[in-house]
Amino acid sequence: MSRDPTPPPTVQCPTCGRRVEWSARSPWRPFCSDRCRLIDLGAWLDGSRAIPGAPVPPESAEDEVEP
């Protein structure tokens, strides 16, 4: 009675679209590589990616507190 282990699920890399095994053998999951992980981080940091929400009103000089 041998049991075939179920292969780990795979996901698509959000940056390049490659298939990535979702297991401990994939250290950058859900990304396929450190490069794709850093590209994604850069997109969040430069504002290319954002979570939609209500617009933030611009700051005015009246809101600032004088020291």
PDB file of N, CA and C in Angstrom:
ATOM      1  N   MET A   1       0.838  -1.192   0.000  1.00  0.00           N
ATOM      2  CA  MET A   1       0.000   0.000   0.000  1.00  0.00           C
ATOM      3  C   MET A   1       0.878   1.249   0.000  1.00  0.00           C
ATOM      4  N   SER A   2       1.288   1.663  -1.139  1.00  0.00           N
ATOM      5  CA  SER A   2       2.056   2.908  -1.208  1.00  0.00           C
ATOM      6  C   SER A   2       1.129   4.043  -1.598  1.00  0.00           C
ATOM      7  N   ARG A   3       1.360   5.148  -0.978  1.00  0.00           N
ATOM      8  CA  ARG A   3       0.542   6.334  -1.269  1.00  0.00           C
ATOM      9  C   ARG A   3       1.401   7.317  -2.040  1.00  0.00           C
ATOM     10  N   ASP A   4       0.882   7.783  -3.147  1.00  0.00           N
ATOM     11  CA  ASP A   4       1.575   8.819  -3.904  1.00  0.00           C
ATOM     12  C   ASP A   4       1.327  10.145  -3.206  1.00  0.00           C
ATOM     13  N   PRO A   5       2.396  10.852  -2.844  1.00  0.00           N
ATOM     14  CA  PRO A   5       2.180  12.150  -2.195  1.00  0.00           C
ATOM     15  C   PRO A   5       1.528  13.125  -3.180  1.00  0.00           C
ATOM     16  N   THR A   6       0.626  13.887  -2.668  1.00  0.00           N
ATOM     17  CA  THR A   6      -0.034  14.894  -3.493  1.00  0.00           C
ATOM     18  C   THR A   6       0.952  16.008  -3.783  1.00  0.00           C
ATOM     19  N   PRO A   7       1.104  16.374  -5.044  1.00  0.00           N
ATOM     20  CA  PRO A   7       2.037  17.467  -5.347  1.00  0.00           C
ATOM     21  C   PRO A   7       1.538  18.775  -4.735  1.00  0.00           C
ATOM     22  N   PRO A   8       2.461  19.629  -4.323  1.00  0.00           N
ATOM     23  CA  PRO A   8       2.038  20.902  -3.735  1.00  0.00           C
ATOM     24  C   PRO A   8       1.322  21.758  -4.780  1.00  0.00           C
ATOM     25  N   PRO A   9       0.411  22.599  -4.338  1.00  0.00           N
ATOM     26  CA  PRO A   9      -0.274  23.477  -5.291  1.00  0.00           C
ATOM     27  C   PRO A   9       0.702  24.474  -5.909  1.00  0.00           C
ATOM     28  N   THR A  10       0.330  25.002  -7.042  1.00  0.00           N
ATOM     29  CA  THR A  10       1.144  26.032  -7.682  1.00  0.00           C
ATOM     30  C   THR A  10       0.319  27.302  -7.815  1.00  0.00           C
ATOM     31  N   VAL A  11       1.019  28.419  -7.803  1.00  0.00           N
ATOM     32  CA  VAL A  11       0.394  29.729  -7.987  1.00  0.00           C
ATOM     33  C   VAL A  11       1.151  30.453  -9.088  1.00  0.00           C
ATOM     34  N   GLN A  12       0.553  31.507  -9.590  1.00  0.00           N
ATOM     35  CA  GLN A  12       1.191  32.298 -10.636  1.00  0.00           C
ATOM     36  C   GLN A  12       1.939  33.461  -9.996  1.00  0.00           C
ATOM     37  N   CYS A  13       3.200  33.659 -10.388  1.00  0.00           N
ATOM     38  CA  CYS A  13       3.990  34.788  -9.888  1.00  0.00           C
ATOM     39  C   CYS A  13       3.271  36.080 -10.278  1.00  0.00           C
ATOM     40  N   PRO A  14       2.982  36.966  -9.308  1.00  0.00           N
ATOM     41  CA  PRO A  14       2.261  38.198  -9.618  1.00  0.00           C
ATOM     42  C   PRO A  14       3.026  39.137 -10.553  1.00  0.00           C
ATOM     43  N   THR A  15       4.338  38.995 -10.624  1.00  0.00           N
ATOM     44  CA  THR A  15       5.145  39.903 -11.432  1.00  0.00           C
ATOM     45  C   THR A  15       5.315  39.415 -12.861  1.00  0.00           C
ATOM     46  N   CYS A  16       5.745  38.158 -13.034  1.00  0.00           N
ATOM     47  CA  CYS A  16       6.062  37.677 -14.389  1.00  0.00           C
ATOM     48  C   CYS A  16       5.109  36.612 -14.905  1.00  0.00           C
ATOM     49  N   GLY A  17       4.291  36.027 -14.044  1.00  0.00           N
ATOM     50  CA  GLY A  17       3.319  35.037 -14.480  1.00  0.00           C
ATOM     51  C   GLY A  17       3.799  33.597 -14.471  1.00  0.00           C
ATOM     52  N   ARG A  18       5.056  33.347 -14.113  1.00  0.00           N
ATOM     53  CA  ARG A  18       5.538  31.961 -14.052  1.00  0.00           C
ATOM     54  C   ARG A  18       4.797  31.197 -12.969  1.00  0.00           C
ATOM     55  N   ARG A  19       4.703  29.885 -13.136  1.00  0.00           N
ATOM     56  CA  ARG A  19       4.094  29.029 -12.125  1.00  0.00           C
ATOM     57  C   ARG A  19       5.111  28.788 -11.008  1.00  0.00           C
ATOM     58  N   VAL A  20       4.660  28.887  -9.757  1.00  0.00           N
ATOM     59  CA  VAL A  20       5.520  28.733  -8.585  1.00  0.00           C
ATOM     60  C   VAL A  20       4.907  27.679  -7.676  1.00  0.00           C
ATOM     61  N   GLU A  21       5.717  26.745  -7.243  1.00  0.00           N
ATOM     62  CA  GLU A  21       5.264  25.725  -6.301  1.00  0.00           C
ATOM     63  C   GLU A  21       5.056  26.379  -4.939  1.00  0.00           C
ATOM     64  N   TRP A  22       3.892  26.168  -4.338  1.00  0.00           N
ATOM     65  CA  TRP A  22       3.593  26.750  -3.026  1.00  0.00           C
ATOM     66  C   TRP A  22       4.055  25.762  -1.953  1.00  0.00           C
ATOM     67  N   SER A  23       5.355  25.836  -1.641  1.00  0.00           N
ATOM     68  CA  SER A  23       5.925  24.951  -0.624  1.00  0.00           C
ATOM     69  C   SER A  23       7.150  25.628  -0.022  1.00  0.00           C
ATOM     70  N   ALA A  24       7.708  24.992   1.000  1.00  0.00           N
ATOM     71  CA  ALA A  24       8.899  25.539   1.657  1.00  0.00           C
ATOM     72  C   ALA A  24      10.096  25.575   0.711  1.00  0.00           C
ATOM     73  N   ARG A  25      10.047  24.820  -0.380  1.00  0.00           N
ATOM     74  CA  ARG A  25      11.144  24.833  -1.354  1.00  0.00           C
ATOM     75  C   ARG A  25      11.141  26.095  -2.211  1.00  0.00           C
ATOM     76  N   SER A  26      10.106  26.911  -2.103  1.00  0.00           N
ATOM     77  CA  SER A  26      10.017  28.164  -2.864  1.00  0.00           C
ATOM     78  C   SER A  26      10.112  29.329  -1.882  1.00  0.00           C
ATOM     79  N   PRO A  27      11.319  29.799  -1.588  1.00  0.00           N
ATOM     80  CA  PRO A  27      11.503  30.796  -0.527  1.00  0.00           C
ATOM     81  C   PRO A  27      10.872  32.159  -0.815  1.00  0.00           C
ATOM     82  N   TRP A  28      10.601  32.478  -2.080  1.00  0.00           N
ATOM     83  CA  TRP A  28      10.050  33.801  -2.402  1.00  0.00           C
ATOM     84  C   TRP A  28       8.565  33.754  -2.717  1.00  0.00           C
ATOM     85  N   ARG A  29       7.899  32.634  -2.429  1.00  0.00           N
ATOM     86  CA  ARG A  29       6.488  32.516  -2.794  1.00  0.00           C
ATOM     87  C   ARG A  29       5.690  33.686  -2.252  1.00  0.00           C
ATOM     88  N   PRO A  30       4.779  34.271  -2.949  1.00  0.00           N
ATOM     89  CA  PRO A  30       4.220  33.806  -4.215  1.00  0.00           C
ATOM     90  C   PRO A  30       5.042  34.202  -5.437  1.00  0.00           C
ATOM     91  N   PHE A  31       6.209  34.798  -5.239  1.00  0.00           N
ATOM     92  CA  PHE A  31       7.044  35.210  -6.371  1.00  0.00           C
ATOM     93  C   PHE A  31       7.958  34.066  -6.775  1.00  0.00           C
ATOM     94  N   CYS A  32       8.407  34.082  -8.033  1.00  0.00           N
ATOM     95  CA  CYS A  32       9.281  33.011  -8.513  1.00  0.00           C
ATOM     96  C   CYS A  32      10.741  33.275  -8.164  1.00  0.00           C
ATOM     97  N   SER A  33      11.086  34.528  -7.869  1.00  0.00           N
ATOM     98  CA  SER A  33      12.484  34.861  -7.590  1.00  0.00           C
ATOM     99  C   SER A  33      12.560  36.115  -6.728  1.00  0.00           C
ATOM    100  N   ASP A  34      13.751  36.353  -6.207  1.00  0.00           N
ATOM    101  CA  ASP A  34      13.973  37.568  -5.422  1.00  0.00           C
ATOM    102  C   ASP A  34      13.811  38.799  -6.315  1.00  0.00           C
ATOM    103  N   ARG A  35      14.211  38.687  -7.573  1.00  0.00           N
ATOM    104  CA  ARG A  35      14.075  39.800  -8.521  1.00  0.00           C
ATOM    105  C   ARG A  35      12.607  40.210  -8.669  1.00  0.00           C
ATOM    106  N   CYS A  36      11.719  39.231  -8.880  1.00  0.00           N
ATOM    107  CA  CYS A  36      10.295  39.548  -9.019  1.00  0.00           C
ATOM    108  C   CYS A  36       9.739  40.145  -7.728  1.00  0.00           C
ATOM    109  N   ARG A  37      10.211  39.655  -6.589  1.00  0.00           N
ATOM    110  CA  ARG A  37       9.767  40.197  -5.297  1.00  0.00           C
ATOM    111  C   ARG A  37      10.160  41.665  -5.168  1.00  0.00           C
ATOM    112  N   LEU A  38      11.390  41.995  -5.570  1.00  0.00           N
ATOM    113  CA  LEU A  38      11.862  43.379  -5.472  1.00  0.00           C
ATOM    114  C   LEU A  38      11.174  44.292  -6.480  1.00  0.00           C
ATOM    115  N   ILE A  39      10.860  43.787  -7.658  1.00  0.00           N
ATOM    116  CA  ILE A  39      10.111  44.578  -8.640  1.00  0.00           C
ATOM    117  C   ILE A  39       8.747  44.942  -8.062  1.00  0.00           C
ATOM    118  N   ASP A  40       8.079  43.976  -7.430  1.00  0.00           N
ATOM    119  CA  ASP A  40       6.774  44.225  -6.825  1.00  0.00           C
ATOM    120  C   ASP A  40       6.883  45.236  -5.683  1.00  0.00           C
ATOM    121  N   LEU A  41       7.890  45.089  -4.836  1.00  0.00           N
ATOM    122  CA  LEU A  41       8.092  46.036  -3.735  1.00  0.00           C
ATOM    123  C   LEU A  41       8.297  47.444  -4.277  1.00  0.00           C
ATOM    124  N   GLY A  42       9.106  47.579  -5.317  1.00  0.00           N
ATOM    125  CA  GLY A  42       9.339  48.886  -5.928  1.00  0.00           C
ATOM    126  C   GLY A  42       8.062  49.511  -6.458  1.00  0.00           C
ATOM    127  N   ALA A  43       7.182  48.690  -7.025  1.00  0.00           N
ATOM    128  CA  ALA A  43       5.910  49.206  -7.544  1.00  0.00           C
ATOM    129  C   ALA A  43       5.038  49.750  -6.414  1.00  0.00           C
ATOM    130  N   TRP A  44       5.045  49.092  -5.255  1.00  0.00           N
ATOM    131  CA  TRP A  44       4.287  49.606  -4.109  1.00  0.00           C
ATOM    132  C   TRP A  44       4.912  50.899  -3.582  1.00  0.00           C
ATOM    133  N   LEU A  45       6.248  50.940  -3.530  1.00  0.00           N
ATOM    134  CA  LEU A  45       6.927  52.113  -2.974  1.00  0.00           C
ATOM    135  C   LEU A  45       6.802  53.346  -3.856  1.00  0.00           C
ATOM    136  N   ASP A  46       6.791  53.172  -5.181  1.00  0.00           N
ATOM    137  CA  ASP A  46       6.686  54.347  -6.050  1.00  0.00           C
ATOM    138  C   ASP A  46       5.238  54.724  -6.363  1.00  0.00           C
ATOM    139  N   GLY A  47       4.273  53.980  -5.805  1.00  0.00           N
ATOM    140  CA  GLY A  47       2.871  54.328  -5.978  1.00  0.00           C
ATOM    141  C   GLY A  47       2.217  53.728  -7.207  1.00  0.00           C
ATOM    142  N   SER A  48       2.942  52.904  -7.973  1.00  0.00           N
ATOM    143  CA  SER A  48       2.343  52.255  -9.136  1.00  0.00           C
ATOM    144  C   SER A  48       1.241  51.290  -8.721  1.00  0.00           C
ATOM    145  N   ARG A  49       1.394  50.693  -7.548  1.00  0.00           N
ATOM    146  CA  ARG A  49       0.375  49.801  -7.001  1.00  0.00           C
ATOM    147  C   ARG A  49      -0.140  50.416  -5.715  1.00  0.00           C
ATOM    148  N   ALA A  50      -1.442  50.293  -5.522  1.00  0.00           N
ATOM    149  CA  ALA A  50      -2.051  50.836  -4.313  1.00  0.00           C
ATOM    150  C   ALA A  50      -3.369  50.124  -4.068  1.00  0.00           C
ATOM    151  N   ILE A  51      -3.817  50.141  -2.842  1.00  0.00           N
ATOM    152  CA  ILE A  51      -5.119  49.596  -2.499  1.00  0.00           C
ATOM    153  C   ILE A  51      -6.120  50.726  -2.652  1.00  0.00           C
ATOM    154  N   PRO A  52      -7.182  50.526  -3.455  1.00  0.00           N
ATOM    155  CA  PRO A  52      -8.144  51.606  -3.671  1.00  0.00           C
ATOM    156  C   PRO A  52      -8.863  51.978  -2.369  1.00  0.00           C
ATOM    157  N   GLY A  53      -9.157  53.231  -2.263  1.00  0.00           N
ATOM    158  CA  GLY A  53      -9.866  53.721  -1.097  1.00  0.00           C
ATOM    159  C   GLY A  53     -10.357  55.135  -1.355  1.00  0.00           C
ATOM    160  N   ALA A  54     -10.935  55.724  -0.347  1.00  0.00           N
ATOM    161  CA  ALA A  54     -11.422  57.095  -0.471  1.00  0.00           C
ATOM    162  C   ALA A  54     -10.234  58.031  -0.665  1.00  0.00           C
ATOM    163  N   PRO A  55     -10.405  59.070  -1.478  1.00  0.00           N
ATOM    164  CA  PRO A  55      -9.307  60.017  -1.675  1.00  0.00           C
ATOM    165  C   PRO A  55      -8.927  60.701  -0.362  1.00  0.00           C
ATOM    166  N   VAL A  56      -7.669  60.945  -0.212  1.00  0.00           N
ATOM    167  CA  VAL A  56      -7.161  61.626   0.977  1.00  0.00           C
ATOM    168  C   VAL A  56      -7.118  63.117   0.666  1.00  0.00           C
ATOM    169  N   PRO A  57      -7.757  63.946   1.509  1.00  0.00           N
ATOM    170  CA  PRO A  57      -7.732  65.384   1.237  1.00  0.00           C
ATOM    171  C   PRO A  57      -6.313  65.933   1.369  1.00  0.00           C
ATOM    172  N   PRO A  58      -5.968  66.905   0.550  1.00  0.00           N
ATOM    173  CA  PRO A  58      -4.621  67.482   0.652  1.00  0.00           C
ATOM    174  C   PRO A  58      -4.444  68.178   1.999  1.00  0.00           C
ATOM    175  N   GLU A  59      -3.226  68.145   2.495  1.00  0.00           N
ATOM    176  CA  GLU A  59      -2.939  68.815   3.762  1.00  0.00           C
ATOM    177  C   GLU A  59      -2.906  70.322   3.523  1.00  0.00           C
ATOM    178  N   SER A  60      -3.410  71.057   4.478  1.00  0.00           N
ATOM    179  CA  SER A  60      -3.372  72.513   4.352  1.00  0.00           C
ATOM    180  C   SER A  60      -2.506  73.086   5.466  1.00  0.00           C
ATOM    181  N   ALA A  61      -2.098  74.315   5.290  1.00  0.00           N
ATOM    182  CA  ALA A  61      -1.258  74.984   6.280  1.00  0.00           C
ATOM    183  C   ALA A  61      -2.010  75.154   7.601  1.00  0.00           C
ATOM    184  N   GLU A  62      -3.337  75.217   7.552  1.00  0.00           N
ATOM    185  CA  GLU A  62      -4.131  75.387   8.764  1.00  0.00           C
ATOM    186  C   GLU A  62      -4.047  74.164   9.672  1.00  0.00           C
ATOM    187  N   ASP A  63      -3.812  72.987   9.084  1.00  0.00           N
ATOM    188  CA  ASP A  63      -3.743  71.759   9.869  1.00  0.00           C
ATOM    189  C   ASP A  63      -2.420  71.605  10.602  1.00  0.00           C
ATOM    190  N   GLU A  64      -1.408  72.342  10.201  1.00  0.00           N
ATOM    191  CA  GLU A  64      -0.099  72.201  10.815  1.00  0.00           C
ATOM    192  C   GLU A  64      -0.075  72.892  12.176  1.00  0.00           C
ATOM    193  N   VAL A  65       0.615  72.270  13.103  1.00  0.00           N
ATOM    194  CA  VAL A  65       0.734  72.815  14.455  1.00  0.00           C
ATOM    195  C   VAL A  65       2.060  73.548  14.548  1.00  0.00           C
ATOM    196  N   GLU A  66       2.020  74.761  15.056  1.00  0.00           N
ATOM    197  CA  GLU A  66       3.232  75.554  15.236  1.00  0.00           C
ATOM    198  C   GLU A  66       3.997  75.021  16.441  1.00  0.00           C
ATOM    199  N   PRO A  67       5.315  74.913  16.359  1.00  0.00           N
ATOM    200  CA  PRO A  67       6.099  74.438  17.525  1.00  0.00           C
ATOM    201  C   PRO A  67       6.144  75.454  18.641  1.00  0.00           C
TER     202      PRO A  67
END
